[in-house]
Amino acid sequence: MTIGTKLKEAFDGLVSLIVGLKITGENFLKPNITIHYPREVVSPTGLEGYRGHIELVPKENNPFVPKCIACGLCENICPSGCIKIKIVKEPVETKTVHASHPNIQDTPKHKASPAPKMRKKLFSFELDYNYCSLCGLCVQNCPAGSLRFSKDIYLAGYSKKEFEFDLLARLQNQARQKQNIED
């Protein structure tokens, strides 16, 4: 090695050291953002961008019922396969039209009536958080906007079973607790 290459290496190392010290100095002067749990708790503003497990979003007019339209897209798009939904079909109440209405023509009595229209309804929504990768595909692709990330930062447990959630029951429990607090 020549003296010129040794000097160049030393100069490059010194520049690298100065850049590193500058970054360290800037961060050293910034306020501390670490929370010392349990002496301190996280403020709601400190949770911006936090992605906890998913939860169902309730309807505005009824907090016990989710916005979910039971399309099954969240279950199909989940790469981890941690979402399992069960759907039941129930008949849609149709309005009966009276033949005495002037704009309706009478039809023959022997004509077959159409099959009743069926509506999908969410029966259960289960999440196995043990396998969730928090990718957010279910939240991003929900056409009804019925999924969101929870702000549950103190989630802890002793067994895998404690991280298997029935999100429909959880939504109803949250609504009940909120209702009891308001009463």
C-alpha atoms as a PDB file:
ATOM      1  CA  MET A   1       0.000   0.000   0.000  1.00  0.00           C
ATOM      2  CA  THR A   2       1.208   3.431  -0.803  1.00  0.00           C
ATOM      3  CA  ILE A   3       1.101   6.416   1.495  1.00  0.00           C
ATOM      4  CA  GLY A   4      -1.527   8.072  -0.770  1.00  0.00           C
ATOM      5  CA  THR A   5      -4.023   5.193  -0.427  1.00  0.00           C
ATOM      6  CA  LYS A   6      -3.470   5.024   3.343  1.00  0.00           C
ATOM      7  CA  LEU A   7      -4.153   8.760   3.645  1.00  0.00           C
ATOM      8  CA  LYS A   8      -7.299   8.432   1.483  1.00  0.00           C
ATOM      9  CA  GLU A   9      -8.605   5.568   3.677  1.00  0.00           C
ATOM     10  CA  ALA A  10      -7.891   7.583   6.822  1.00  0.00           C
ATOM     11  CA  PHE A  11      -9.644  10.651   5.373  1.00  0.00           C
ATOM     12  CA  ASP A  12     -12.703   8.570   4.292  1.00  0.00           C
ATOM     13  CA  GLY A  13     -12.849   7.039   7.779  1.00  0.00           C
ATOM     14  CA  LEU A  14     -12.668  10.488   9.402  1.00  0.00           C
ATOM     15  CA  VAL A  15     -15.493  11.806   7.171  1.00  0.00           C
ATOM     16  CA  SER A  16     -17.607   8.759   8.035  1.00  0.00           C
ATOM     17  CA  LEU A  17     -16.934   9.314  11.766  1.00  0.00           C
ATOM     18  CA  ILE A  18     -17.936  12.987  11.540  1.00  0.00           C
ATOM     19  CA  VAL A  19     -21.192  12.136   9.705  1.00  0.00           C
ATOM     20  CA  GLY A  20     -22.026   9.499  12.336  1.00  0.00           C
ATOM     21  CA  LEU A  21     -21.276  11.875  15.225  1.00  0.00           C
ATOM     22  CA  LYS A  22     -23.467  14.551  13.617  1.00  0.00           C
ATOM     23  CA  ILE A  23     -26.446  12.146  13.396  1.00  0.00           C
ATOM     24  CA  THR A  24     -25.859  10.952  16.963  1.00  0.00           C
ATOM     25  CA  GLY A  25     -25.631  14.546  18.231  1.00  0.00           C
ATOM     26  CA  GLU A  26     -28.888  15.564  16.525  1.00  0.00           C
ATOM     27  CA  ASN A  27     -30.771  12.602  17.991  1.00  0.00           C
ATOM     28  CA  PHE A  28     -29.180  13.113  21.409  1.00  0.00           C
ATOM     29  CA  LEU A  29     -30.694  16.599  21.615  1.00  0.00           C
ATOM     30  CA  LYS A  30     -34.211  15.494  20.622  1.00  0.00           C
ATOM     31  CA  PRO A  31     -36.741  14.737  23.388  1.00  0.00           C
ATOM     32  CA  ASN A  32     -37.024  11.151  24.555  1.00  0.00           C
ATOM     33  CA  ILE A  33     -40.025   9.263  23.105  1.00  0.00           C
ATOM     34  CA  THR A  34     -39.586   6.051  25.067  1.00  0.00           C
ATOM     35  CA  ILE A  35     -42.413   5.234  27.485  1.00  0.00           C
ATOM     36  CA  HIS A  36     -41.360   3.630  30.768  1.00  0.00           C
ATOM     37  CA  TYR A  37     -44.237   1.253  31.336  1.00  0.00           C
ATOM     38  CA  PRO A  38     -45.908   0.864  33.906  1.00  0.00           C
ATOM     39  CA  ARG A  39     -44.884   4.221  35.391  1.00  0.00           C
ATOM     40  CA  GLU A  40     -46.048   5.993  32.231  1.00  0.00           C
ATOM     41  CA  VAL A  41     -48.790   5.224  29.728  1.00  0.00           C
ATOM     42  CA  VAL A  42     -49.027   6.034  26.050  1.00  0.00           C
ATOM     43  CA  SER A  43     -51.162   9.054  25.221  1.00  0.00           C
ATOM     44  CA  PRO A  44     -53.768   8.713  22.454  1.00  0.00           C
ATOM     45  CA  THR A  45     -51.691  11.030  20.247  1.00  0.00           C
ATOM     46  CA  GLY A  46     -48.752   8.667  20.651  1.00  0.00           C
ATOM     47  CA  LEU A  47     -50.694   5.879  18.956  1.00  0.00           C
ATOM     48  CA  GLU A  48     -50.835   7.445  15.490  1.00  0.00           C
ATOM     49  CA  GLY A  49     -49.904   4.824  12.936  1.00  0.00           C
ATOM     50  CA  TYR A  50     -50.060   1.982  15.475  1.00  0.00           C
ATOM     51  CA  ARG A  51     -51.365  -1.256  13.984  1.00  0.00           C
ATOM     52  CA  GLY A  52     -52.876  -3.589  16.532  1.00  0.00           C
ATOM     53  CA  HIS A  53     -55.050  -6.560  15.636  1.00  0.00           C
ATOM     54  CA  ILE A  54     -58.032  -5.849  13.423  1.00  0.00           C
ATOM     55  CA  GLU A  55     -61.471  -5.143  14.827  1.00  0.00           C
ATOM     56  CA  LEU A  56     -64.934  -4.629  13.403  1.00  0.00           C
ATOM     57  CA  VAL A  57     -66.315  -1.116  12.940  1.00  0.00           C
ATOM     58  CA  PRO A  58     -69.871  -0.679  14.231  1.00  0.00           C
ATOM     59  CA  LYS A  59     -72.706   0.993  12.347  1.00  0.00           C
ATOM     60  CA  GLU A  60     -73.310   4.608  13.340  1.00  0.00           C
ATOM     61  CA  ASN A  61     -76.957   4.029  14.264  1.00  0.00           C
ATOM     62  CA  ASN A  62     -76.411   0.697  16.100  1.00  0.00           C
ATOM     63  CA  PRO A  63     -73.090   0.047  17.888  1.00  0.00           C
ATOM     64  CA  PHE A  64     -73.974  -3.642  18.395  1.00  0.00           C
ATOM     65  CA  VAL A  65     -74.058  -4.369  14.638  1.00  0.00           C
ATOM     66  CA  PRO A  66     -70.946  -4.232  12.429  1.00  0.00           C
ATOM     67  CA  LYS A  67     -70.829  -2.458   9.065  1.00  0.00           C
ATOM     68  CA  CYS A  68     -69.772  -5.788   7.538  1.00  0.00           C
ATOM     69  CA  ILE A  69     -71.729  -6.783   4.427  1.00  0.00           C
ATOM     70  CA  ALA A  70     -70.497 -10.411   4.647  1.00  0.00           C
ATOM     71  CA  CYS A  71     -68.796 -10.385   1.254  1.00  0.00           C
ATOM     72  CA  GLY A  72     -65.896 -12.590   2.427  1.00  0.00           C
ATOM     73  CA  LEU A  73     -63.199 -10.523   0.715  1.00  0.00           C
ATOM     74  CA  CYS A  74     -61.170 -10.122   3.918  1.00  0.00           C
ATOM     75  CA  GLU A  75     -61.019 -13.896   4.405  1.00  0.00           C
ATOM     76  CA  ASN A  76     -60.068 -14.503   0.776  1.00  0.00           C
ATOM     77  CA  ILE A  77     -57.378 -11.808   0.588  1.00  0.00           C
ATOM     78  CA  CYS A  78     -55.636 -12.645   3.888  1.00  0.00           C
ATOM     79  CA  PRO A  79     -52.208 -14.126   3.037  1.00  0.00           C
ATOM     80  CA  SER A  80     -51.873 -15.634   6.527  1.00  0.00           C
ATOM     81  CA  GLY A  81     -55.284 -17.304   6.515  1.00  0.00           C
ATOM     82  CA  CYS A  82     -55.993 -16.004  10.005  1.00  0.00           C
ATOM     83  CA  ILE A  83     -59.527 -14.698   9.299  1.00  0.00           C
ATOM     84  CA  LYS A  84     -62.485 -17.094   9.348  1.00  0.00           C
ATOM     85  CA  ILE A  85     -65.976 -15.751   8.802  1.00  0.00           C
ATOM     86  CA  LYS A  86     -69.279 -17.598   8.890  1.00  0.00           C
ATOM     87  CA  ILE A  87     -72.201 -16.238   6.937  1.00  0.00           C
ATOM     88  CA  VAL A  88     -75.878 -17.096   7.118  1.00  0.00           C
ATOM     89  CA  LYS A  89     -78.441 -16.245   4.493  1.00  0.00           C
ATOM     90  CA  GLU A  90     -81.780 -14.881   5.544  1.00  0.00           C
ATOM     91  CA  PRO A  91     -84.728 -13.803   3.410  1.00  0.00           C
ATOM     92  CA  VAL A  92     -85.125 -10.123   2.660  1.00  0.00           C
ATOM     93  CA  GLU A  93     -88.427  -8.670   3.718  1.00  0.00           C
ATOM     94  CA  THR A  94     -90.204  -7.584   0.568  1.00  0.00           C
ATOM     95  CA  LYS A  95     -93.018  -5.119   0.420  1.00  0.00           C
ATOM     96  CA  THR A  96     -96.290  -6.659  -0.630  1.00  0.00           C
ATOM     97  CA  VAL A  97     -98.051  -4.855  -3.432  1.00  0.00           C
ATOM     98  CA  HIS A  98    -101.813  -4.730  -3.333  1.00  0.00           C
ATOM     99  CA  ALA A  99    -103.686  -5.555  -6.503  1.00  0.00           C
ATOM    100  CA  SER A 100    -105.972  -2.603  -5.882  1.00  0.00           C
ATOM    101  CA  HIS A 101    -103.162  -0.191  -6.776  1.00  0.00           C
ATOM    102  CA  PRO A 102    -104.042   1.582 -10.055  1.00  0.00           C
ATOM    103  CA  ASN A 103    -100.607   1.135 -11.689  1.00  0.00           C
ATOM    104  CA  ILE A 104    -100.448  -2.646 -11.155  1.00  0.00           C
ATOM    105  CA  GLN A 105    -102.057  -5.130 -13.465  1.00  0.00           C
ATOM    106  CA  ASP A 106    -103.511  -8.333 -12.088  1.00  0.00           C
ATOM    107  CA  THR A 107    -101.596 -11.495 -12.919  1.00  0.00           C
ATOM    108  CA  PRO A 108    -103.032 -14.988 -13.218  1.00  0.00           C
ATOM    109  CA  LYS A 109    -103.168 -16.891  -9.935  1.00  0.00           C
ATOM    110  CA  HIS A 110    -101.436 -19.972 -11.336  1.00  0.00           C
ATOM    111  CA  LYS A 111     -98.225 -18.047 -12.113  1.00  0.00           C
ATOM    112  CA  ALA A 112     -95.298 -19.208  -9.940  1.00  0.00           C
ATOM    113  CA  SER A 113     -94.027 -16.673  -7.440  1.00  0.00           C
ATOM    114  CA  PRO A 114     -90.304 -15.856  -7.597  1.00  0.00           C
ATOM    115  CA  ALA A 115     -87.979 -17.316  -5.009  1.00  0.00           C
ATOM    116  CA  PRO A 116     -87.474 -14.978  -2.055  1.00  0.00           C
ATOM    117  CA  LYS A 117     -84.367 -12.826  -2.217  1.00  0.00           C
ATOM    118  CA  MET A 118     -81.709 -13.782   0.281  1.00  0.00           C
ATOM    119  CA  ARG A 119     -79.387 -11.459   2.170  1.00  0.00           C
ATOM    120  CA  LYS A 120     -76.038 -12.442   3.648  1.00  0.00           C
ATOM    121  CA  LYS A 121     -75.592 -11.774   7.338  1.00  0.00           C
ATOM    122  CA  LEU A 122     -72.444 -12.115   9.416  1.00  0.00           C
ATOM    123  CA  PHE A 123     -72.795 -14.974  11.893  1.00  0.00           C
ATOM    124  CA  SER A 124     -69.240 -15.044  13.289  1.00  0.00           C
ATOM    125  CA  PHE A 125     -65.938 -13.326  12.568  1.00  0.00           C
ATOM    126  CA  GLU A 126     -62.908 -15.075  14.037  1.00  0.00           C
ATOM    127  CA  LEU A 127     -59.327 -13.836  14.002  1.00  0.00           C
ATOM    128  CA  ASP A 128     -56.328 -15.970  14.937  1.00  0.00           C
ATOM    129  CA  TYR A 129     -53.887 -13.206  15.849  1.00  0.00           C
ATOM    130  CA  ASN A 130     -51.112 -15.794  16.297  1.00  0.00           C
ATOM    131  CA  TYR A 131     -50.771 -15.931  12.516  1.00  0.00           C
ATOM    132  CA  CYS A 132     -51.644 -12.342  11.544  1.00  0.00           C
ATOM    133  CA  SER A 133     -48.785 -10.548   9.794  1.00  0.00           C
ATOM    134  CA  LEU A 134     -50.469  -7.111  10.189  1.00  0.00           C
ATOM    135  CA  CYS A 135     -50.172  -6.534   6.437  1.00  0.00           C
ATOM    136  CA  GLY A 136     -53.427  -4.544   6.378  1.00  0.00           C
ATOM    137  CA  LEU A 137     -54.807  -6.049   3.167  1.00  0.00           C
ATOM    138  CA  CYS A 138     -58.111  -6.851   4.858  1.00  0.00           C
ATOM    139  CA  VAL A 139     -58.493  -3.285   6.141  1.00  0.00           C
ATOM    140  CA  GLN A 140     -57.473  -1.701   2.824  1.00  0.00           C
ATOM    141  CA  ASN A 141     -59.735  -3.846   0.654  1.00  0.00           C
ATOM    142  CA  CYS A 142     -62.918  -3.960   2.746  1.00  0.00           C
ATOM    143  CA  PRO A 143     -65.608  -2.442   0.481  1.00  0.00           C
ATOM    144  CA  ALA A 144     -67.804  -1.457   3.441  1.00  0.00           C
ATOM    145  CA  GLY A 145     -65.020   0.004   5.586  1.00  0.00           C
ATOM    146  CA  SER A 146     -65.955  -2.392   8.359  1.00  0.00           C
ATOM    147  CA  LEU A 147     -62.411  -3.238   9.521  1.00  0.00           C
ATOM    148  CA  ARG A 148     -59.818  -1.129  11.309  1.00  0.00           C
ATOM    149  CA  PHE A 149     -56.695  -1.644  13.365  1.00  0.00           C
ATOM    150  CA  SER A 150     -57.252  -1.609  17.117  1.00  0.00           C
ATOM    151  CA  LYS A 151     -55.363   0.625  19.514  1.00  0.00           C
ATOM    152  CA  ASP A 152     -55.001  -2.213  22.037  1.00  0.00           C
ATOM    153  CA  ILE A 153     -51.317  -1.801  22.935  1.00  0.00           C
ATOM    154  CA  TYR A 154     -51.397  -3.764  26.187  1.00  0.00           C
ATOM    155  CA  LEU A 155     -52.336  -7.096  24.625  1.00  0.00           C
ATOM    156  CA  ALA A 156     -50.531  -9.916  26.407  1.00  0.00           C
ATOM    157  CA  GLY A 157     -51.277 -13.512  27.255  1.00  0.00           C
ATOM    158  CA  TYR A 158     -49.883 -16.821  28.447  1.00  0.00           C
ATOM    159  CA  SER A 159     -51.201 -19.116  25.739  1.00  0.00           C
ATOM    160  CA  LYS A 160     -51.959 -19.112  22.027  1.00  0.00           C
ATOM    161  CA  LYS A 161     -55.652 -19.535  22.795  1.00  0.00           C
ATOM    162  CA  GLU A 162     -55.736 -16.032  24.309  1.00  0.00           C
ATOM    163  CA  PHE A 163     -54.957 -14.569  20.869  1.00  0.00           C
ATOM    164  CA  GLU A 164     -57.893 -16.187  19.084  1.00  0.00           C
ATOM    165  CA  PHE A 165     -60.640 -13.572  18.947  1.00  0.00           C
ATOM    166  CA  ASP A 166     -64.316 -13.666  18.060  1.00  0.00           C
ATOM    167  CA  LEU A 167     -64.488 -10.118  16.728  1.00  0.00           C
ATOM    168  CA  LEU A 168     -68.293 -10.048  16.521  1.00  0.00           C
ATOM    169  CA  ALA A 169     -68.594 -10.905  20.231  1.00  0.00           C
ATOM    170  CA  ARG A 170     -65.813  -8.422  20.991  1.00  0.00           C
ATOM    171  CA  LEU A 171     -67.712  -5.641  19.163  1.00  0.00           C
ATOM    172  CA  GLN A 172     -70.865  -6.388  21.121  1.00  0.00           C
ATOM    173  CA  ASN A 173     -68.937  -6.432  24.443  1.00  0.00           C
ATOM    174  CA  GLN A 174     -67.341  -3.074  23.606  1.00  0.00           C
ATOM    175  CA  ALA A 175     -70.771  -1.618  22.792  1.00  0.00           C
ATOM    176  CA  ARG A 176     -72.187  -2.981  26.063  1.00  0.00           C
ATOM    177  CA  GLN A 177     -69.295  -1.514  28.083  1.00  0.00           C
ATOM    178  CA  LYS A 178     -69.666   1.855  26.355  1.00  0.00           C
ATOM    179  CA  GLN A 179     -73.411   1.787  27.013  1.00  0.00           C
ATOM    180  CA  ASN A 180     -72.844   0.994  30.721  1.00  0.00           C
ATOM    181  CA  ILE A 181     -70.360   3.872  31.051  1.00  0.00           C
ATOM    182  CA  GLU A 182     -72.852   6.306  29.492  1.00  0.00           C
ATOM    183  CA  ASP A 183     -75.693   5.161  31.780  1.00  0.00           C
END
